[in-house]
Amino acid sequence: MDFWQVLPVAVALLFIVEGMLPFVSPGRWRAMLTVAEKMDDRTIRYVGLGSMLFGVFILYWLH
């Protein structure tokens, strides 16, 4: 499979995973957004960086 075949599958899986929390527990999702709104930009960037590095680690581990 080439990149253009895998990319839509990856995006679809991202939407599925991201939609699970608001579907299962909308109250917790709303509370999480409230907490995120109160965070400063630096903290949010560190969370994003950690998430990206974790994703890269998983990809490296799987291949």
N, C-alpha and C. Protein backbone atom coordinates (compact mmCIF):
# COMPACT_ATOMS: atom_id res chain seq x y z
N MET A 1 0.84 -1.18 0.00
CA MET A 1 0.00 0.00 0.00
C MET A 1 0.88 1.25 0.00
N ASP A 2 0.49 2.22 -0.78
CA ASP A 2 1.26 3.45 -0.78
C ASP A 2 0.61 4.47 0.17
N PHE A 3 1.25 5.62 0.29
CA PHE A 3 0.84 6.66 1.24
C PHE A 3 -0.60 7.09 1.02
N TRP A 4 -1.00 7.30 -0.21
CA TRP A 4 -2.33 7.83 -0.51
C TRP A 4 -3.44 6.81 -0.24
N GLN A 5 -3.10 5.55 -0.10
CA GLN A 5 -4.09 4.55 0.29
C GLN A 5 -4.19 4.45 1.82
N VAL A 6 -3.09 4.67 2.49
CA VAL A 6 -3.06 4.55 3.95
C VAL A 6 -3.59 5.81 4.63
N LEU A 7 -3.34 6.97 4.05
CA LEU A 7 -3.73 8.23 4.68
C LEU A 7 -5.22 8.31 4.99
N PRO A 8 -6.14 8.01 4.06
CA PRO A 8 -7.56 8.08 4.42
C PRO A 8 -7.95 7.10 5.52
N VAL A 9 -7.33 5.95 5.55
CA VAL A 9 -7.61 4.98 6.61
C VAL A 9 -7.15 5.54 7.96
N ALA A 10 -5.96 6.14 7.98
CA ALA A 10 -5.44 6.72 9.22
C ALA A 10 -6.34 7.87 9.70
N VAL A 11 -6.78 8.71 8.79
CA VAL A 11 -7.66 9.82 9.16
C VAL A 11 -9.00 9.29 9.68
N ALA A 12 -9.54 8.28 9.04
CA ALA A 12 -10.79 7.68 9.50
C ALA A 12 -10.64 7.11 10.91
N LEU A 13 -9.54 6.41 11.15
CA LEU A 13 -9.30 5.86 12.49
C LEU A 13 -9.13 6.97 13.52
N LEU A 14 -8.49 8.06 13.14
CA LEU A 14 -8.35 9.20 14.03
C LEU A 14 -9.72 9.74 14.44
N PHE A 15 -10.62 9.90 13.47
CA PHE A 15 -11.96 10.38 13.79
C PHE A 15 -12.72 9.40 14.68
N ILE A 16 -12.55 8.13 14.46
CA ILE A 16 -13.22 7.13 15.29
C ILE A 16 -12.73 7.21 16.73
N VAL A 17 -11.42 7.25 16.91
CA VAL A 17 -10.85 7.30 18.25
C VAL A 17 -11.20 8.61 18.94
N GLU A 18 -11.11 9.73 18.22
CA GLU A 18 -11.43 11.03 18.80
C GLU A 18 -12.91 11.15 19.16
N GLY A 19 -13.78 10.45 18.46
CA GLY A 19 -15.20 10.53 18.73
C GLY A 19 -15.68 9.62 19.85
N MET A 20 -14.82 8.74 20.31
CA MET A 20 -15.24 7.78 21.34
C MET A 20 -15.57 8.46 22.67
N LEU A 21 -14.72 9.37 23.15
CA LEU A 21 -14.94 9.98 24.46
C LEU A 21 -16.21 10.83 24.49
N PRO A 22 -16.44 11.73 23.51
CA PRO A 22 -17.70 12.47 23.58
C PRO A 22 -18.94 11.59 23.42
N PHE A 23 -18.81 10.47 22.73
CA PHE A 23 -19.95 9.57 22.59
C PHE A 23 -20.24 8.83 23.89
N VAL A 24 -19.18 8.31 24.51
CA VAL A 24 -19.34 7.50 25.72
C VAL A 24 -19.62 8.36 26.95
N SER A 25 -18.95 9.51 27.06
CA SER A 25 -19.08 10.33 28.25
C SER A 25 -19.03 11.81 27.89
N PRO A 26 -20.13 12.38 27.44
CA PRO A 26 -20.11 13.78 27.04
C PRO A 26 -19.78 14.74 28.19
N GLY A 27 -20.17 14.40 29.40
CA GLY A 27 -19.87 15.25 30.55
C GLY A 27 -18.37 15.35 30.81
N ARG A 28 -17.70 14.21 30.77
CA ARG A 28 -16.24 14.21 30.98
C ARG A 28 -15.53 14.95 29.85
N TRP A 29 -16.03 14.79 28.63
CA TRP A 29 -15.43 15.47 27.49
C TRP A 29 -15.56 16.98 27.65
N ARG A 30 -16.73 17.45 28.08
CA ARG A 30 -16.95 18.88 28.31
C ARG A 30 -16.03 19.39 29.43
N ALA A 31 -15.89 18.60 30.50
CA ALA A 31 -15.00 18.98 31.60
C ALA A 31 -13.55 19.04 31.13
N MET A 32 -13.16 18.09 30.28
CA MET A 32 -11.80 18.09 29.75
C MET A 32 -11.54 19.35 28.92
N LEU A 33 -12.52 19.76 28.12
CA LEU A 33 -12.36 20.98 27.33
C LEU A 33 -12.28 22.21 28.22
N THR A 34 -13.01 22.21 29.31
CA THR A 34 -12.94 23.33 30.25
C THR A 34 -11.55 23.42 30.87
N VAL A 35 -10.99 22.28 31.23
CA VAL A 35 -9.63 22.26 31.79
C VAL A 35 -8.62 22.72 30.74
N ALA A 36 -8.78 22.25 29.52
CA ALA A 36 -7.85 22.63 28.45
C ALA A 36 -7.94 24.13 28.16
N GLU A 37 -9.12 24.70 28.29
CA GLU A 37 -9.29 26.13 28.05
C GLU A 37 -8.51 26.96 29.06
N LYS A 38 -8.34 26.44 30.26
CA LYS A 38 -7.64 27.17 31.32
C LYS A 38 -6.12 26.99 31.24
N MET A 39 -5.63 26.07 30.42
CA MET A 39 -4.19 25.83 30.30
C MET A 39 -3.53 26.93 29.48
N ASP A 40 -2.27 27.20 29.79
CA ASP A 40 -1.54 28.15 28.97
C ASP A 40 -1.03 27.47 27.71
N ASP A 41 -0.63 28.28 26.73
CA ASP A 41 -0.21 27.75 25.44
C ASP A 41 0.98 26.81 25.54
N ARG A 42 1.91 27.11 26.42
CA ARG A 42 3.11 26.27 26.56
C ARG A 42 2.74 24.85 27.00
N THR A 43 1.84 24.74 27.94
CA THR A 43 1.42 23.42 28.42
C THR A 43 0.71 22.65 27.31
N ILE A 44 -0.15 23.32 26.57
CA ILE A 44 -0.85 22.66 25.47
C ILE A 44 0.14 22.19 24.41
N ARG A 45 1.16 23.01 24.14
CA ARG A 45 2.18 22.60 23.16
C ARG A 45 2.95 21.37 23.65
N TYR A 46 3.26 21.33 24.95
CA TYR A 46 3.97 20.16 25.49
C TYR A 46 3.11 18.90 25.39
N VAL A 47 1.83 19.05 25.64
CA VAL A 47 0.92 17.90 25.52
C VAL A 47 0.88 17.44 24.06
N GLY A 48 0.79 18.38 23.13
CA GLY A 48 0.80 18.03 21.70
C GLY A 48 2.09 17.37 21.28
N LEU A 49 3.23 17.91 21.76
CA LEU A 49 4.53 17.32 21.44
C LEU A 49 4.62 15.90 22.00
N GLY A 50 4.19 15.72 23.23
CA GLY A 50 4.22 14.39 23.83
C GLY A 50 3.35 13.40 23.06
N SER A 51 2.20 13.86 22.62
CA SER A 51 1.31 13.01 21.84
C SER A 51 1.95 12.62 20.51
N MET A 52 2.56 13.59 19.84
CA MET A 52 3.22 13.29 18.56
C MET A 52 4.38 12.32 18.75
N LEU A 53 5.20 12.54 19.78
CA LEU A 53 6.33 11.65 20.03
C LEU A 53 5.86 10.25 20.38
N PHE A 54 4.77 10.15 21.13
CA PHE A 54 4.21 8.84 21.46
C PHE A 54 3.74 8.13 20.20
N GLY A 55 3.10 8.87 19.30
CA GLY A 55 2.67 8.30 18.03
C GLY A 55 3.83 7.82 17.18
N VAL A 56 4.89 8.61 17.14
CA VAL A 56 6.09 8.20 16.38
C VAL A 56 6.69 6.95 17.00
N PHE A 57 6.73 6.89 18.33
CA PHE A 57 7.25 5.71 19.01
C PHE A 57 6.44 4.47 18.66
N ILE A 58 5.11 4.59 18.67
CA ILE A 58 4.26 3.45 18.34
C ILE A 58 4.50 3.01 16.90
N LEU A 59 4.59 3.97 15.95
CA LEU A 59 4.86 3.61 14.57
C LEU A 59 6.21 2.90 14.44
N TYR A 60 7.22 3.40 15.13
CA TYR A 60 8.54 2.78 15.08
C TYR A 60 8.48 1.37 15.65
N TRP A 61 7.76 1.21 16.76
CA TRP A 61 7.65 -0.08 17.43
C TRP A 61 6.90 -1.09 16.55
N LEU A 62 5.87 -0.64 15.84
CA LEU A 62 5.10 -1.54 14.99
C LEU A 62 5.84 -1.98 13.74
N HIS A 63 6.73 -1.14 13.27
CA HIS A 63 7.46 -1.48 12.06
C HIS A 63 8.86 -1.80 12.44
